[in-house]
Amino acid sequence: MIYFALILLGIVIAIPILLVNKFESSMRSFFRGGFGGLGQGENSNYITCTKCQTKIKRVHTAPYCEKCRQFF
C-alpha cells in the first residue's frame, strides 16, 4: 500500500513539472518568433536570406538561396 502511495505521489509531483516545462518552452519560442510565425506578419510569404538579404518565396521545402547557393 505504501508503494502505491509513493508512486501516486511521484506522478502527482511530476505531471505539473512536465507541464510547466512544456508551457515555458512554447512561450519562449513564441516571444522569439512573435506573430510572424503565425502568418500575421507583413511579408509572411517571403524569407530573407541572412547572407545576401535576398527575398525568397516561402514554400513547403527548405529555403534555398540560389545566389548564395545554400540552404538556411
PDB file of N, CA and C in Angstrom:
ATOM      1  N   MET A   1       0.818  -1.195   0.000  1.00  0.00           N
ATOM      2  CA  MET A   1       0.000   0.000   0.000  1.00  0.00           C
ATOM      3  C   MET A   1       0.869   1.270   0.000  1.00  0.00           C
ATOM      4  N   ILE A   2       1.967   1.208   0.734  1.00  0.00           N
ATOM      5  CA  ILE A   2       2.843   2.380   0.801  1.00  0.00           C
ATOM      6  C   ILE A   2       3.548   2.613  -0.533  1.00  0.00           C
ATOM      7  N   TYR A   3       3.836   1.520  -1.257  1.00  0.00           N
ATOM      8  CA  TYR A   3       4.465   1.657  -2.573  1.00  0.00           C
ATOM      9  C   TYR A   3       3.523   2.354  -3.545  1.00  0.00           C
ATOM     10  N   PHE A   4       2.257   1.994  -3.484  1.00  0.00           N
ATOM     11  CA  PHE A   4       1.256   2.623  -4.340  1.00  0.00           C
ATOM     12  C   PHE A   4       1.154   4.115  -4.031  1.00  0.00           C
ATOM     13  N   ALA A   5       1.193   4.468  -2.752  1.00  0.00           N
ATOM     14  CA  ALA A   5       1.111   5.873  -2.352  1.00  0.00           C
ATOM     15  C   ALA A   5       2.336   6.650  -2.833  1.00  0.00           C
ATOM     16  N   LEU A   6       3.515   6.042  -2.769  1.00  0.00           N
ATOM     17  CA  LEU A   6       4.726   6.705  -3.244  1.00  0.00           C
ATOM     18  C   LEU A   6       4.703   6.914  -4.756  1.00  0.00           C
ATOM     19  N   ILE A   7       4.235   5.911  -5.479  1.00  0.00           N
ATOM     20  CA  ILE A   7       4.125   6.034  -6.939  1.00  0.00           C
ATOM     21  C   ILE A   7       3.117   7.118  -7.303  1.00  0.00           C
ATOM     22  N   LEU A   8       1.984   7.128  -6.631  1.00  0.00           N
ATOM     23  CA  LEU A   8       0.959   8.136  -6.881  1.00  0.00           C
ATOM     24  C   LEU A   8       1.479   9.537  -6.550  1.00  0.00           C
ATOM     25  N   LEU A   9       2.206   9.669  -5.459  1.00  0.00           N
ATOM     26  CA  LEU A   9       2.784  10.950  -5.083  1.00  0.00           C
ATOM     27  C   LEU A   9       3.807  11.418  -6.122  1.00  0.00           C
ATOM     28  N   GLY A  10       4.609  10.502  -6.636  1.00  0.00           N
ATOM     29  CA  GLY A  10       5.575  10.841  -7.677  1.00  0.00           C
ATOM     30  C   GLY A  10       4.903  11.327  -8.944  1.00  0.00           C
ATOM     31  N   ILE A  11       3.814  10.682  -9.317  1.00  0.00           N
ATOM     32  CA  ILE A  11       3.073  11.093 -10.515  1.00  0.00           C
ATOM     33  C   ILE A  11       2.448  12.465 -10.311  1.00  0.00           C
ATOM     34  N   VAL A  12       1.880  12.685  -9.134  1.00  0.00           N
ATOM     35  CA  VAL A  12       1.233  13.967  -8.845  1.00  0.00           C
ATOM     36  C   VAL A  12       2.252  15.105  -8.857  1.00  0.00           C
ATOM     37  N   ILE A  13       3.466  14.844  -8.452  1.00  0.00           N
ATOM     38  CA  ILE A  13       4.507  15.876  -8.460  1.00  0.00           C
ATOM     39  C   ILE A  13       5.109  16.042  -9.855  1.00  0.00           C
ATOM     40  N   ALA A  14       5.274  14.958 -10.602  1.00  0.00           N
ATOM     41  CA  ALA A  14       5.959  15.007 -11.894  1.00  0.00           C
ATOM     42  C   ALA A  14       5.122  15.655 -12.992  1.00  0.00           C
ATOM     43  N   ILE A  15       3.827  15.423 -13.009  1.00  0.00           N
ATOM     44  CA  ILE A  15       2.981  15.942 -14.094  1.00  0.00           C
ATOM     45  C   ILE A  15       3.003  17.475 -14.150  1.00  0.00           C
ATOM     46  N   PRO A  16       2.803  18.189 -13.047  1.00  0.00           N
ATOM     47  CA  PRO A  16       2.876  19.662 -13.151  1.00  0.00           C
ATOM     48  C   PRO A  16       4.255  20.172 -13.568  1.00  0.00           C
ATOM     49  N   ILE A  17       5.308  19.504 -13.135  1.00  0.00           N
ATOM     50  CA  ILE A  17       6.655  19.928 -13.524  1.00  0.00           C
ATOM     51  C   ILE A  17       6.836  19.782 -15.028  1.00  0.00           C
ATOM     52  N   LEU A  18       6.380  18.669 -15.596  1.00  0.00           N
ATOM     53  CA  LEU A  18       6.495  18.464 -17.037  1.00  0.00           C
ATOM     54  C   LEU A  18       5.641  19.461 -17.812  1.00  0.00           C
ATOM     55  N   LEU A  19       4.451  19.760 -17.308  1.00  0.00           N
ATOM     56  CA  LEU A  19       3.584  20.716 -17.991  1.00  0.00           C
ATOM     57  C   LEU A  19       4.168  22.125 -17.960  1.00  0.00           C
ATOM     58  N   VAL A  20       4.769  22.512 -16.844  1.00  0.00           N
ATOM     59  CA  VAL A  20       5.375  23.842 -16.749  1.00  0.00           C
ATOM     60  C   VAL A  20       6.542  23.958 -17.724  1.00  0.00           C
ATOM     61  N   ASN A  21       7.358  22.919 -17.842  1.00  0.00           N
ATOM     62  CA  ASN A  21       8.481  22.956 -18.784  1.00  0.00           C
ATOM     63  C   ASN A  21       7.995  23.088 -20.217  1.00  0.00           C
ATOM     64  N   LYS A  22       6.947  22.360 -20.576  1.00  0.00           N
ATOM     65  CA  LYS A  22       6.398  22.429 -21.933  1.00  0.00           C
ATOM     66  C   LYS A  22       5.822  23.819 -22.210  1.00  0.00           C
ATOM     67  N   PHE A  23       5.085  24.361 -21.262  1.00  0.00           N
ATOM     68  CA  PHE A  23       4.492  25.685 -21.419  1.00  0.00           C
ATOM     69  C   PHE A  23       5.575  26.753 -21.535  1.00  0.00           C
ATOM     70  N   GLU A  24       6.614  26.633 -20.717  1.00  0.00           N
ATOM     71  CA  GLU A  24       7.698  27.608 -20.739  1.00  0.00           C
ATOM     72  C   GLU A  24       8.432  27.602 -22.081  1.00  0.00           C
ATOM     73  N   SER A  25       8.702  26.416 -22.630  1.00  0.00           N
ATOM     74  CA  SER A  25       9.406  26.350 -23.914  1.00  0.00           C
ATOM     75  C   SER A  25       8.545  26.888 -25.054  1.00  0.00           C
ATOM     76  N   SER A  26       7.236  26.642 -25.014  1.00  0.00           N
ATOM     77  CA  SER A  26       6.377  27.159 -26.081  1.00  0.00           C
ATOM     78  C   SER A  26       6.269  28.680 -26.004  1.00  0.00           C
ATOM     79  N   MET A  27       6.201  29.237 -24.805  1.00  0.00           N
ATOM     80  CA  MET A  27       6.143  30.691 -24.674  1.00  0.00           C
ATOM     81  C   MET A  27       7.469  31.326 -25.084  1.00  0.00           C
ATOM     82  N   ARG A  28       8.570  30.666 -24.788  1.00  0.00           N
ATOM     83  CA  ARG A  28       9.882  31.190 -25.170  1.00  0.00           C
ATOM     84  C   ARG A  28       9.998  31.255 -26.690  1.00  0.00           C
ATOM     85  N   SER A  29       9.538  30.207 -27.386  1.00  0.00           N
ATOM     86  CA  SER A  29       9.609  30.220 -28.849  1.00  0.00           C
ATOM     87  C   SER A  29       8.651  31.251 -29.437  1.00  0.00           C
ATOM     88  N   PHE A  30       7.500  31.475 -28.785  1.00  0.00           N
ATOM     89  CA  PHE A  30       6.560  32.485 -29.267  1.00  0.00           C
ATOM     90  C   PHE A  30       7.171  33.878 -29.162  1.00  0.00           C
ATOM     91  N   PHE A  31       7.810  34.177 -28.031  1.00  0.00           N
ATOM     92  CA  PHE A  31       8.378  35.510 -27.860  1.00  0.00           C
ATOM     93  C   PHE A  31       9.602  35.724 -28.733  1.00  0.00           C
ATOM     94  N   ARG A  32      10.301  34.658 -29.107  1.00  0.00           N
ATOM     95  CA  ARG A  32      11.422  34.793 -30.031  1.00  0.00           C
ATOM     96  C   ARG A  32      10.921  35.068 -31.441  1.00  0.00           C
ATOM     97  N   GLY A  33       9.881  34.336 -31.873  1.00  0.00           N
ATOM     98  CA  GLY A  33       9.389  34.461 -33.241  1.00  0.00           C
ATOM     99  C   GLY A  33       8.315  35.512 -33.405  1.00  0.00           C
ATOM    100  N   GLY A  34       7.573  35.786 -32.363  1.00  0.00           N
ATOM    101  CA  GLY A  34       6.499  36.766 -32.426  1.00  0.00           C
ATOM    102  C   GLY A  34       5.341  36.275 -33.277  1.00  0.00           C
ATOM    103  N   PHE A  35       4.546  37.213 -33.767  1.00  0.00           N
ATOM    104  CA  PHE A  35       3.386  36.861 -34.567  1.00  0.00           C
ATOM    105  C   PHE A  35       3.754  36.503 -36.001  1.00  0.00           C
ATOM    106  N   GLY A  36       4.985  36.740 -36.418  1.00  0.00           N
ATOM    107  CA  GLY A  36       5.413  36.403 -37.772  1.00  0.00           C
ATOM    108  C   GLY A  36       5.325  34.919 -38.039  1.00  0.00           C
ATOM    109  N   GLY A  37       5.539  34.116 -37.012  1.00  0.00           N
ATOM    110  CA  GLY A  37       5.435  32.674 -37.163  1.00  0.00           C
ATOM    111  C   GLY A  37       4.010  32.203 -37.339  1.00  0.00           C
ATOM    112  N   LEU A  38       3.042  33.047 -36.980  1.00  0.00           N
ATOM    113  CA  LEU A  38       1.637  32.684 -37.109  1.00  0.00           C
ATOM    114  C   LEU A  38       1.043  33.138 -38.433  1.00  0.00           C
ATOM    115  N   GLY A  39       1.835  33.732 -39.288  1.00  0.00           N
ATOM    116  CA  GLY A  39       1.348  34.150 -40.597  1.00  0.00           C
ATOM    117  C   GLY A  39       0.702  35.515 -40.596  1.00  0.00           C
ATOM    118  N   GLN A  40       0.867  36.287 -39.539  1.00  0.00           N
ATOM    119  CA  GLN A  40       0.267  37.609 -39.482  1.00  0.00           C
ATOM    120  C   GLN A  40       1.271  38.711 -39.788  1.00  0.00           C
ATOM    121  N   GLY A  41       2.474  38.325 -40.155  1.00  0.00           N
ATOM    122  CA  GLY A  41       3.500  39.317 -40.465  1.00  0.00           C
ATOM    123  C   GLY A  41       3.228  39.983 -41.798  1.00  0.00           C
ATOM    124  N   GLU A  42       3.894  41.104 -42.027  1.00  0.00           N
ATOM    125  CA  GLU A  42       3.687  41.861 -43.256  1.00  0.00           C
ATOM    126  C   GLU A  42       4.157  41.079 -44.480  1.00  0.00           C
ATOM    127  N   ASN A  43       5.340  40.470 -44.402  1.00  0.00           N
ATOM    128  CA  ASN A  43       5.894  39.705 -45.513  1.00  0.00           C
ATOM    129  C   ASN A  43       5.991  38.236 -45.132  1.00  0.00           C
ATOM    130  N   SER A  44       4.905  37.655 -44.688  1.00  0.00           N
ATOM    131  CA  SER A  44       4.961  36.274 -44.219  1.00  0.00           C
ATOM    132  C   SER A  44       5.120  35.279 -45.368  1.00  0.00           C
ATOM    133  N   ASN A  45       4.972  35.716 -46.621  1.00  0.00           N
ATOM    134  CA  ASN A  45       5.146  34.814 -47.758  1.00  0.00           C
ATOM    135  C   ASN A  45       6.588  34.761 -48.233  1.00  0.00           C
ATOM    136  N   TYR A  46       7.445  35.591 -47.668  1.00  0.00           N
ATOM    137  CA  TYR A  46       8.838  35.650 -48.093  1.00  0.00           C
ATOM    138  C   TYR A  46       9.780  35.487 -46.905  1.00  0.00           C
ATOM    139  N   ILE A  47      10.940  34.891 -47.188  1.00  0.00           N
ATOM    140  CA  ILE A  47      12.007  34.729 -46.213  1.00  0.00           C
ATOM    141  C   ILE A  47      13.194  35.524 -46.735  1.00  0.00           C
ATOM    142  N   THR A  48      13.915  36.183 -45.859  1.00  0.00           N
ATOM    143  CA  THR A  48      15.089  36.952 -46.261  1.00  0.00           C
ATOM    144  C   THR A  48      16.343  36.136 -46.008  1.00  0.00           C
ATOM    145  N   CYS A  49      17.188  36.032 -47.027  1.00  0.00           N
ATOM    146  CA  CYS A  49      18.460  35.327 -46.889  1.00  0.00           C
ATOM    147  C   CYS A  49      19.339  36.093 -45.910  1.00  0.00           C
ATOM    148  N   THR A  50      19.961  35.374 -44.999  1.00  0.00           N
ATOM    149  CA  THR A  50      20.775  36.031 -43.979  1.00  0.00           C
ATOM    150  C   THR A  50      22.098  36.542 -44.526  1.00  0.00           C
ATOM    151  N   LYS A  51      22.551  35.999 -45.648  1.00  0.00           N
ATOM    152  CA  LYS A  51      23.841  36.400 -46.211  1.00  0.00           C
ATOM    153  C   LYS A  51      23.716  37.583 -47.167  1.00  0.00           C
ATOM    154  N   CYS A  52      22.829  37.468 -48.159  1.00  0.00           N
ATOM    155  CA  CYS A  52      22.755  38.493 -49.206  1.00  0.00           C
ATOM    156  C   CYS A  52      21.489  39.346 -49.129  1.00  0.00           C
ATOM    157  N   GLN A  53      20.625  39.094 -48.168  1.00  0.00           N
ATOM    158  CA  GLN A  53      19.391  39.854 -47.941  1.00  0.00           C
ATOM    159  C   GLN A  53      18.403  39.777 -49.108  1.00  0.00           C
ATOM    160  N   THR A  54      18.465  38.702 -49.896  1.00  0.00           N
ATOM    161  CA  THR A  54      17.528  38.486 -50.992  1.00  0.00           C
ATOM    162  C   THR A  54      16.235  37.911 -50.434  1.00  0.00           C
ATOM    163  N   LYS A  55      15.097  38.373 -50.958  1.00  0.00           N
ATOM    164  CA  LYS A  55      13.813  37.830 -50.523  1.00  0.00           C
ATOM    165  C   LYS A  55      13.520  36.561 -51.311  1.00  0.00           C
ATOM    166  N   ILE A  56      13.186  35.492 -50.589  1.00  0.00           N
ATOM    167  CA  ILE A  56      12.904  34.193 -51.190  1.00  0.00           C
ATOM    168  C   ILE A  56      11.484  33.810 -50.818  1.00  0.00           C
ATOM    169  N   LYS A  57      10.717  33.364 -51.811  1.00  0.00           N
ATOM    170  CA  LYS A  57       9.335  32.988 -51.554  1.00  0.00           C
ATOM    171  C   LYS A  57       9.283  31.756 -50.663  1.00  0.00           C
ATOM    172  N   ARG A  58       8.407  31.803 -49.670  1.00  0.00           N
ATOM    173  CA  ARG A  58       8.263  30.700 -48.726  1.00  0.00           C
ATOM    174  C   ARG A  58       7.507  29.554 -49.400  1.00  0.00           C
ATOM    175  N   VAL A  59       8.099  28.360 -49.356  1.00  0.00           N
ATOM    176  CA  VAL A  59       7.483  27.153 -49.909  1.00  0.00           C
ATOM    177  C   VAL A  59       7.517  26.070 -48.840  1.00  0.00           C
ATOM    178  N   HIS A  60       7.032  24.878 -49.169  1.00  0.00           N
ATOM    179  CA  HIS A  60       6.954  23.791 -48.191  1.00  0.00           C
ATOM    180  C   HIS A  60       8.263  23.028 -48.038  1.00  0.00           C
ATOM    181  N   THR A  61       9.279  23.379 -48.814  1.00  0.00           N
ATOM    182  CA  THR A  61      10.584  22.732 -48.675  1.00  0.00           C
ATOM    183  C   THR A  61      11.526  23.672 -47.926  1.00  0.00           C
ATOM    184  N   ALA A  62      12.740  23.226 -47.704  1.00  0.00           N
ATOM    185  CA  ALA A  62      13.727  24.052 -47.009  1.00  0.00           C
ATOM    186  C   ALA A  62      14.083  25.259 -47.870  1.00  0.00           C
ATOM    187  N   PRO A  63      14.210  26.444 -47.280  1.00  0.00           N
ATOM    188  CA  PRO A  63      14.548  27.633 -48.059  1.00  0.00           C
ATOM    189  C   PRO A  63      15.950  27.535 -48.652  1.00  0.00           C
ATOM    190  N   TYR A  64      16.046  27.871 -49.934  1.00  0.00           N
ATOM    191  CA  TYR A  64      17.320  27.779 -50.657  1.00  0.00           C
ATOM    192  C   TYR A  64      17.567  29.086 -51.393  1.00  0.00           C
ATOM    193  N   CYS A  65      18.717  29.677 -51.170  1.00  0.00           N
ATOM    194  CA  CYS A  65      19.103  30.904 -51.869  1.00  0.00           C
ATOM    195  C   CYS A  65      19.961  30.512 -53.065  1.00  0.00           C
ATOM    196  N   GLU A  66      19.481  30.822 -54.278  1.00  0.00           N
ATOM    197  CA  GLU A  66      20.231  30.473 -55.486  1.00  0.00           C
ATOM    198  C   GLU A  66      21.459  31.360 -55.649  1.00  0.00           C
ATOM    199  N   LYS A  67      21.393  32.580 -55.156  1.00  0.00           N
ATOM    200  CA  LYS A  67      22.519  33.496 -55.271  1.00  0.00           C
ATOM    201  C   LYS A  67      23.692  33.030 -54.401  1.00  0.00           C
ATOM    202  N   CYS A  68      23.403  32.629 -53.172  1.00  0.00           N
ATOM    203  CA  CYS A  68      24.451  32.155 -52.246  1.00  0.00           C
ATOM    204  C   CYS A  68      24.689  30.651 -52.366  1.00  0.00           C
ATOM    205  N   ARG A  69      23.769  29.963 -53.012  1.00  0.00           N
ATOM    206  CA  ARG A  69      23.828  28.506 -53.175  1.00  0.00           C
ATOM    207  C   ARG A  69      23.928  27.777 -51.838  1.00  0.00           C
ATOM    208  N   GLN A  70      22.996  28.106 -50.951  1.00  0.00           N
ATOM    209  CA  GLN A  70      22.981  27.410 -49.669  1.00  0.00           C
ATOM    210  C   GLN A  70      21.568  27.370 -49.102  1.00  0.00           C
ATOM    211  N   PHE A  71      21.319  26.337 -48.320  1.00  0.00           N
ATOM    212  CA  PHE A  71      20.075  26.216 -47.572  1.00  0.00           C
ATOM    213  C   PHE A  71      20.256  26.933 -46.243  1.00  0.00           C
ATOM    214  N   PHE A  72      19.190  27.472 -45.728  1.00  0.00           N
ATOM    215  CA  PHE A  72      19.276  28.081 -44.405  1.00  0.00           C
ATOM    216  C   PHE A  72      18.001  27.859 -43.644  1.00  0.00           C
TER     217      PHE A  72
END
